[in-house]
PDB file of N, CA and C in Angstrom:
ATOM      1  N   MET A   1      42.168  46.973 118.757  1.00  0.00           N
ATOM      2  CA  MET A   1      41.074  45.892 119.029  1.00  0.00           C
ATOM      3  C   MET A   1      40.421  46.272 117.579  1.00  0.00           C
ATOM      4  N   GLN A   2      39.676  45.294 117.425  1.00  0.00           N
ATOM      5  CA  GLN A   2      38.946  44.511 115.874  1.00  0.00           C
ATOM      6  C   GLN A   2      37.981  45.287 116.122  1.00  0.00           C
ATOM      7  N   GLU A   3      37.263  45.861 115.028  1.00  0.00           N
ATOM      8  CA  GLU A   3      35.999  46.948 114.981  1.00  0.00           C
ATOM      9  C   GLU A   3      34.874  45.625 114.298  1.00  0.00           C
ATOM     10  N   TYR A   4      33.758  45.465 115.067  1.00  0.00           N
ATOM     11  CA  TYR A   4      32.460  45.333 114.505  1.00  0.00           C
ATOM     12  C   TYR A   4      31.635  46.049 113.501  1.00  0.00           C
ATOM     13  N   ILE A   5      30.706  45.513 112.980  1.00  0.00           N
ATOM     14  CA  ILE A   5      29.783  45.489 112.407  1.00  0.00           C
ATOM     15  C   ILE A   5      28.561  44.817 112.690  1.00  0.00           C
ATOM     16  N   THR A   6      27.618  45.426 112.488  1.00  0.00           N
ATOM     17  CA  THR A   6      26.153  44.437 112.841  1.00  0.00           C
ATOM     18  C   THR A   6      25.645  43.732 111.315  1.00  0.00           C
ATOM     19  N   VAL A   7      25.177  42.613 111.324  1.00  0.00           N
ATOM     20  CA  VAL A   7      24.704  42.266 110.584  1.00  0.00           C
ATOM     21  C   VAL A   7      23.197  41.250 110.779  1.00  0.00           C
ATOM     22  N   SER A   8      22.332  41.584 110.218  1.00  0.00           N
ATOM     23  CA  SER A   8      21.004  40.785 110.628  1.00  0.00           C
ATOM     24  C   SER A   8      20.388  39.879 109.624  1.00  0.00           C
ATOM     25  N   VAL A   9      20.121  39.472 110.121  1.00  0.00           N
ATOM     26  CA  VAL A   9      19.451  38.120 109.258  1.00  0.00           C
ATOM     27  C   VAL A   9      18.045  37.839 110.199  1.00  0.00           C
ATOM     28  N   LYS A  10      16.633  37.810 108.823  1.00  0.00           N
ATOM     29  CA  LYS A  10      15.987  37.113 109.191  1.00  0.00           C
ATOM     30  C   LYS A  10      15.517  35.934 109.478  1.00  0.00           C
ATOM     31  N   VAL A  11      14.913  35.161 110.429  1.00  0.00           N
ATOM     32  CA  VAL A  11      14.637  33.968 110.304  1.00  0.00           C
ATOM     33  C   VAL A  11      13.069  34.002 110.584  1.00  0.00           C
ATOM     34  N   PRO A  12      12.269  32.108 110.334  1.00  0.00           N
ATOM     35  CA  PRO A  12      11.088  32.302 110.916  1.00  0.00           C
ATOM     36  C   PRO A  12      10.539  32.318 112.412  1.00  0.00           C
ATOM     37  N   ARG A  13       9.386  32.788 112.734  1.00  0.00           N
ATOM     38  CA  ARG A  13       9.299  33.085 114.029  1.00  0.00           C
ATOM     39  C   ARG A  13       9.588  31.939 114.786  1.00  0.00           C
ATOM     40  N   ARG A  14       9.373  30.934 114.193  1.00  0.00           N
ATOM     41  CA  ARG A  14       9.365  29.270 115.251  1.00  0.00           C
ATOM     42  C   ARG A  14      10.677  29.183 114.954  1.00  0.00           C
ATOM     43  N   LEU A  15      11.396  29.604 114.395  1.00  0.00           N
ATOM     44  CA  LEU A  15      12.606  29.079 114.386  1.00  0.00           C
ATOM     45  C   LEU A  15      13.393  29.460 115.785  1.00  0.00           C
ATOM     46  N   LYS A  16      12.884  31.240 115.769  1.00  0.00           N
ATOM     47  CA  LYS A  16      13.853  31.813 116.753  1.00  0.00           C
ATOM     48  C   LYS A  16      12.929  31.581 117.995  1.00  0.00           C
ATOM     49  N   GLU A  17      11.923  31.219 118.033  1.00  0.00           N
ATOM     50  CA  GLU A  17      11.474  30.419 119.686  1.00  0.00           C
ATOM     51  C   GLU A  17      11.900  29.403 120.121  1.00  0.00           C
ATOM     52  N   LEU A  18      12.558  28.768 119.050  1.00  0.00           N
ATOM     53  CA  LEU A  18      13.224  27.726 119.369  1.00  0.00           C
ATOM     54  C   LEU A  18      14.791  28.009 119.596  1.00  0.00           C
ATOM     55  N   LEU A  19      15.417  28.680 119.175  1.00  0.00           N
ATOM     56  CA  LEU A  19      16.515  29.158 119.209  1.00  0.00           C
ATOM     57  C   LEU A  19      16.338  29.606 120.977  1.00  0.00           C
ATOM     58  N   ASP A  20      15.379  30.380 121.610  1.00  0.00           N
ATOM     59  CA  ASP A  20      15.223  31.109 122.725  1.00  0.00           C
ATOM     60  C   ASP A  20      15.035  29.542 124.136  1.00  0.00           C
ATOM     61  N   LYS A  21      14.233  28.904 123.679  1.00  0.00           N
ATOM     62  CA  LYS A  21      13.857  27.780 123.847  1.00  0.00           C
ATOM     63  C   LYS A  21      14.907  27.002 124.690  1.00  0.00           C
ATOM     64  N   TYR A  22      15.645  26.684 123.653  1.00  0.00           N
ATOM     65  CA  TYR A  22      17.421  26.106 124.074  1.00  0.00           C
ATOM     66  C   TYR A  22      18.267  26.837 124.131  1.00  0.00           C
ATOM     67  N   GLY A  23      17.810  28.259 124.505  1.00  0.00           N
ATOM     68  CA  GLY A  23      19.495  28.975 125.091  1.00  0.00           C
ATOM     69  C   GLY A  23      20.170  29.452 124.381  1.00  0.00           C
ATOM     70  N   ILE A  24      20.050  29.154 122.721  1.00  0.00           N
ATOM     71  CA  ILE A  24      20.988  28.770 121.786  1.00  0.00           C
ATOM     72  C   ILE A  24      21.252  30.498 121.320  1.00  0.00           C
ATOM     73  N   ARG A  25      22.314  30.798 121.687  1.00  0.00           N
ATOM     74  CA  ARG A  25      22.387  32.169 120.614  1.00  0.00           C
ATOM     75  C   ARG A  25      22.931  32.098 119.520  1.00  0.00           C
ATOM     76  N   PRO A  26      22.076  32.846 118.579  1.00  0.00           N
ATOM     77  CA  PRO A  26      22.239  32.938 116.751  1.00  0.00           C
ATOM     78  C   PRO A  26      23.784  33.449 116.616  1.00  0.00           C
ATOM     79  N   GLY A  27      23.878  34.499 117.373  1.00  0.00           N
ATOM     80  CA  GLY A  27      25.262  35.668 116.971  1.00  0.00           C
ATOM     81  C   GLY A  27      26.275  34.948 116.522  1.00  0.00           C
ATOM     82  N   PRO A  28      26.929  33.572 117.562  1.00  0.00           N
ATOM     83  CA  PRO A  28      28.015  32.496 117.084  1.00  0.00           C
ATOM     84  C   PRO A  28      27.665  31.763 116.300  1.00  0.00           C
ATOM     85  N   LEU A  29      27.046  31.514 116.230  1.00  0.00           N
ATOM     86  CA  LEU A  29      26.354  30.391 115.156  1.00  0.00           C
ATOM     87  C   LEU A  29      26.358  30.677 113.359  1.00  0.00           C
ATOM     88  N   VAL A  30      25.638  32.099 113.527  1.00  0.00           N
ATOM     89  CA  VAL A  30      25.791  32.923 112.267  1.00  0.00           C
ATOM     90  C   VAL A  30      27.482  33.295 112.026  1.00  0.00           C
ATOM     91  N   ARG A  31      28.410  33.880 113.341  1.00  0.00           N
ATOM     92  CA  ARG A  31      29.606  34.316 112.832  1.00  0.00           C
ATOM     93  C   ARG A  31      30.436  32.825 112.449  1.00  0.00           C
ATOM     94  N   GLN A  32      30.214  31.857 113.440  1.00  0.00           N
ATOM     95  CA  GLN A  32      30.944  30.773 112.638  1.00  0.00           C
ATOM     96  C   GLN A  32      30.482  30.311 110.958  1.00  0.00           C
ATOM     97  N   ALA A  33      29.533  29.891 110.456  1.00  0.00           N
ATOM     98  CA  ALA A  33      29.256  29.661 109.246  1.00  0.00           C
ATOM     99  C   ALA A  33      29.802  30.495 108.559  1.00  0.00           C
ATOM    100  N   LEU A  34      29.561  32.088 109.030  1.00  0.00           N
ATOM    101  CA  LEU A  34      30.239  33.063 107.233  1.00  0.00           C
ATOM    102  C   LEU A  34      31.518  32.730 107.374  1.00  0.00           C
ATOM    103  N   GLU A  35      32.858  32.521 108.381  1.00  0.00           N
ATOM    104  CA  GLU A  35      33.647  32.460 108.739  1.00  0.00           C
ATOM    105  C   GLU A  35      34.002  31.248 107.796  1.00  0.00           C
ATOM    106  N   GLU A  36      33.287  29.885 108.038  1.00  0.00           N
ATOM    107  CA  GLU A  36      33.317  28.908 106.918  1.00  0.00           C
ATOM    108  C   GLU A  36      33.159  29.366 105.612  1.00  0.00           C
ATOM    109  N   GLU A  37      32.082  29.698 105.172  1.00  0.00           N
ATOM    110  CA  GLU A  37      32.187  29.826 104.364  1.00  0.00           C
ATOM    111  C   GLU A  37      32.919  30.744 103.425  1.00  0.00           C
ATOM    112  N   VAL A  38      33.395  32.286 104.071  1.00  0.00           N
ATOM    113  CA  VAL A  38      34.931  32.627 103.562  1.00  0.00           C
ATOM    114  C   VAL A  38      36.053  32.069 103.353  1.00  0.00           C
ATOM    115  N   ARG A  39      36.355  31.064 104.455  1.00  0.00           N
ATOM    116  CA  ARG A  39      37.642  29.980 104.062  1.00  0.00           C
ATOM    117  C   ARG A  39      37.516  29.059 102.678  1.00  0.00           C
ATOM    118  N   LYS A  40      36.128  28.781 103.148  1.00  0.00           N
ATOM    119  CA  LYS A  40      35.842  27.929 101.330  1.00  0.00           C
ATOM    120  C   LYS A  40      36.298  28.609  99.804  1.00  0.00           C
ATOM    121  N   ALA A  41      35.392  29.913 100.410  1.00  0.00           N
ATOM    122  CA  ALA A  41      35.684  30.678  98.939  1.00  0.00           C
ATOM    123  C   ALA A  41      37.151  30.896  98.573  1.00  0.00           C
ATOM    124  N   VAL A  42      38.291  30.983  99.592  1.00  0.00           N
ATOM    125  CA  VAL A  42      39.371  31.588  99.811  1.00  0.00           C
ATOM    126  C   VAL A  42      39.924  30.127  99.158  1.00  0.00           C
ATOM    127  N   LEU A  43      39.772  29.372  99.656  1.00  0.00           N
ATOM    128  CA  LEU A  43      40.531  28.231  99.195  1.00  0.00           C
ATOM    129  C   LEU A  43      40.293  27.735  97.834  1.00  0.00           C
ATOM    130  N   ARG A  44      39.266  27.660  97.190  1.00  0.00           N
ATOM    131  CA  ARG A  44      38.614  27.823  96.118  1.00  0.00           C
ATOM    132  C   ARG A  44      39.541  28.598  95.090  1.00  0.00           C
ATOM    133  N   GLU A  45      39.479  30.048  95.482  1.00  0.00           N
ATOM    134  CA  GLU A  45      40.222  30.909  94.676  1.00  0.00           C
ATOM    135  C   GLU A  45      41.872  30.480  94.543  1.00  0.00           C
ATOM    136  N   LEU A  46      42.433  30.328  95.861  1.00  0.00           N
ATOM    137  CA  LEU A  46      43.733  29.413  95.361  1.00  0.00           C
ATOM    138  C   LEU A  46      44.308  27.983  94.940  1.00  0.00           C
ATOM    139  N   GLU A  47      42.484  27.240  94.693  1.00  0.00           N
ATOM    140  CA  GLU A  47      43.516  26.413  94.225  1.00  0.00           C
ATOM    141  C   GLU A  47      42.989  26.701  92.528  1.00  0.00           C
ATOM    142  N   ASP A  48      42.152  27.770  92.369  1.00  0.00           N
ATOM    143  CA  ASP A  48      42.023  28.608  90.687  1.00  0.00           C
ATOM    144  C   ASP A  48      43.516  28.625  90.316  1.00  0.00           C
ATOM    145  N   GLU A  49      44.158  29.761  91.819  1.00  0.00           N
ATOM    146  CA  GLU A  49      45.230  30.538  91.236  1.00  0.00           C
ATOM    147  C   GLU A  49      46.403  28.979  90.970  1.00  0.00           C
ATOM    148  N   ILE A  50      46.330  27.619  91.808  1.00  0.00           N
ATOM    149  CA  ILE A  50      47.541  26.943  91.731  1.00  0.00           C
ATOM    150  C   ILE A  50      47.427  26.417  90.080  1.00  0.00           C
ATOM    151  N   LYS A  51      45.882  25.722  90.234  1.00  0.00           N
ATOM    152  CA  LYS A  51      45.451  25.407  88.746  1.00  0.00           C
ATOM    153  C   LYS A  51      45.999  26.195  87.297  1.00  0.00           C
ATOM    154  N   GLY A  52      46.199  27.053  87.621  1.00  0.00           N
ATOM    155  CA  GLY A  52      46.798  28.382  86.337  1.00  0.00           C
ATOM    156  C   GLY A  52      48.202  28.264  86.519  1.00  0.00           C
ATOM    157  N   ILE A  53      49.009  28.449  87.879  1.00  0.00           N
ATOM    158  CA  ILE A  53      50.114  28.195  87.508  1.00  0.00           C
ATOM    159  C   ILE A  53      50.633  26.748  86.922  1.00  0.00           C
ATOM    160  N   SER A  54      50.486  25.610  87.371  1.00  0.00           N
ATOM    161  CA  SER A  54      50.278  24.461  87.272  1.00  0.00           C
ATOM    162  C   SER A  54      50.410  24.575  85.896  1.00  0.00           C
ATOM    163  N   GLU A  55      49.209  24.649  84.904  1.00  0.00           N
ATOM    164  CA  GLU A  55      49.034  24.978  83.631  1.00  0.00           C
ATOM    165  C   GLU A  55      50.251  25.441  83.147  1.00  0.00           C
ATOM    166  N   GLU A  56      50.568  26.706  83.326  1.00  0.00           N
ATOM    167  CA  GLU A  56      51.654  27.315  82.971  1.00  0.00           C
ATOM    168  C   GLU A  56      52.926  26.700  83.161  1.00  0.00           C
ATOM    169  N   MET A  57      53.250  26.149  84.227  1.00  0.00           N
ATOM    170  CA  MET A  57      54.141  24.915  84.645  1.00  0.00           C
ATOM    171  C   MET A  57      54.482  24.089  83.323  1.00  0.00           C
ATOM    172  N   GLN A  58      53.604  23.379  82.630  1.00  0.00           N
ATOM    173  CA  GLN A  58      53.686  22.354  82.400  1.00  0.00           C
ATOM    174  C   GLN A  58      54.594  22.402  80.956  1.00  0.00           C
ATOM    175  N   GLY A  59      54.883  24.013  80.382  1.00  0.00           N
ATOM    176  CA  GLY A  59      55.727  24.358  79.357  1.00  0.00           C
ATOM    177  C   GLY A  59      57.065  24.054  79.873  1.00  0.00           C
ATOM    178  N   ILE A  60      57.373  24.296  81.129  1.00  0.00           N
ATOM    179  CA  ILE A  60      58.742  24.589  81.607  1.00  0.00           C
ATOM    180  C   ILE A  60      59.563  23.164  81.767  1.00  0.00           C
ATOM    181  N   SER A  61      60.378  22.833  81.286  1.00  0.00           N
ATOM    182  CA  SER A  61      61.024  21.147  80.943  1.00  0.00           C
ATOM    183  C   SER A  61      61.425  21.092  82.544  1.00  0.00           C
ATOM    184  N   ASP A  62      62.018  20.124  83.340  1.00  0.00           N
ATOM    185  CA  ASP A  62      62.741  19.447  84.495  1.00  0.00           C
ATOM    186  C   ASP A  62      64.165  20.537  84.065  1.00  0.00           C
ATOM    187  N   GLU A  63      64.751  20.236  83.156  1.00  0.00           N
ATOM    188  CA  GLU A  63      65.930  20.924  82.899  1.00  0.00           C
ATOM    189  C   GLU A  63      66.365  22.111  83.349  1.00  0.00           C
ATOM    190  N   GLU A  64      64.789  23.073  83.017  1.00  0.00           N
ATOM    191  CA  GLU A  64      65.001  24.803  82.481  1.00  0.00           C
ATOM    192  C   GLU A  64      64.798  24.908  84.232  1.00  0.00           C
ATOM    193  N   VAL A  65      63.946  23.723  85.494  1.00  0.00           N
ATOM    194  CA  VAL A  65      63.737  24.152  86.657  1.00  0.00           C
ATOM    195  C   VAL A  65      64.865  24.120  87.330  1.00  0.00           C
ATOM    196  N   VAL A  66      65.510  22.563  86.796  1.00  0.00           N
ATOM    197  CA  VAL A  66      67.120  22.640  87.442  1.00  0.00           C
ATOM    198  C   VAL A  66      67.742  24.356  87.360  1.00  0.00           C
ATOM    199  N   ARG A  67      68.050  24.416  86.408  1.00  0.00           N
ATOM    200  CA  ARG A  67      68.796  25.624  85.911  1.00  0.00           C
ATOM    201  C   ARG A  67      68.613  26.715  86.612  1.00  0.00           C
ATOM    202  N   LEU A  68      67.255  26.772  86.724  1.00  0.00           N
ATOM    203  CA  LEU A  68      66.821  28.355  87.233  1.00  0.00           C
ATOM    204  C   LEU A  68      66.799  28.102  88.515  1.00  0.00           C
ATOM    205  N   ILE A  69      66.431  26.728  89.320  1.00  0.00           N
ATOM    206  CA  ILE A  69      66.772  26.800  90.921  1.00  0.00           C
ATOM    207  C   ILE A  69      68.480  26.821  91.009  1.00  0.00           C
ATOM    208  N   ARG A  70      69.199  26.275  90.660  1.00  0.00           N
ATOM    209  CA  ARG A  70      70.672  26.317  90.772  1.00  0.00           C
ATOM    210  C   ARG A  70      71.258  28.145  90.694  1.00  0.00           C
ATOM    211  N   GLU A  71      70.531  28.233  89.432  1.00  0.00           N
ATOM    212  CA  GLU A  71      70.728  30.030  88.793  1.00  0.00           C
ATOM    213  C   GLU A  71      70.882  31.097  90.439  1.00  0.00           C
ATOM    214  N   ASP A  72      69.061  30.232  90.796  1.00  0.00           N
ATOM    215  CA  ASP A  72      68.754  31.332  91.805  1.00  0.00           C
ATOM    216  C   ASP A  72      69.884  31.144  93.371  1.00  0.00           C
ATOM    217  N   ARG A  73      70.192  29.844  93.662  1.00  0.00           N
ATOM    218  CA  ARG A  73      71.398  29.453  94.615  1.00  0.00           C
ATOM    219  C   ARG A  73      72.411  29.975  94.982  1.00  0.00           C
ATOM    220  N   ARG A  74      73.104  30.848  93.506  1.00  0.00           N
ATOM    221  CA  ARG A  74      74.115  31.062  93.609  1.00  0.00           C
ATOM    222  C   ARG A  74      73.899  32.372  93.712  1.00  0.00           C
ATOM    223  N   ARG A  75      72.904  33.384  93.830  1.00  0.00           N
ATOM    224  CA  ARG A  75      72.967  34.758  94.009  1.00  0.00           C
ATOM    225  C   ARG A  75      72.777  34.854  95.437  1.00  0.00           C
TER     226      ARG A  75
END
């Protein structure tokens, strides 16, 4: 079972009144927004890692890549 913690958010009173008026539950919206921001951060981190690897690999010739792949297949 997943463990949860409580995160509280302050919103303007008018916004809270409108949420209540329209029956909008803030919990799922906040959770979804946080998940989306984390997803974006993870993707940015992966993109940075890929760029770094790509820059490192620019110094490796095609012939060297082929040689390494063939060598790895023989194992």
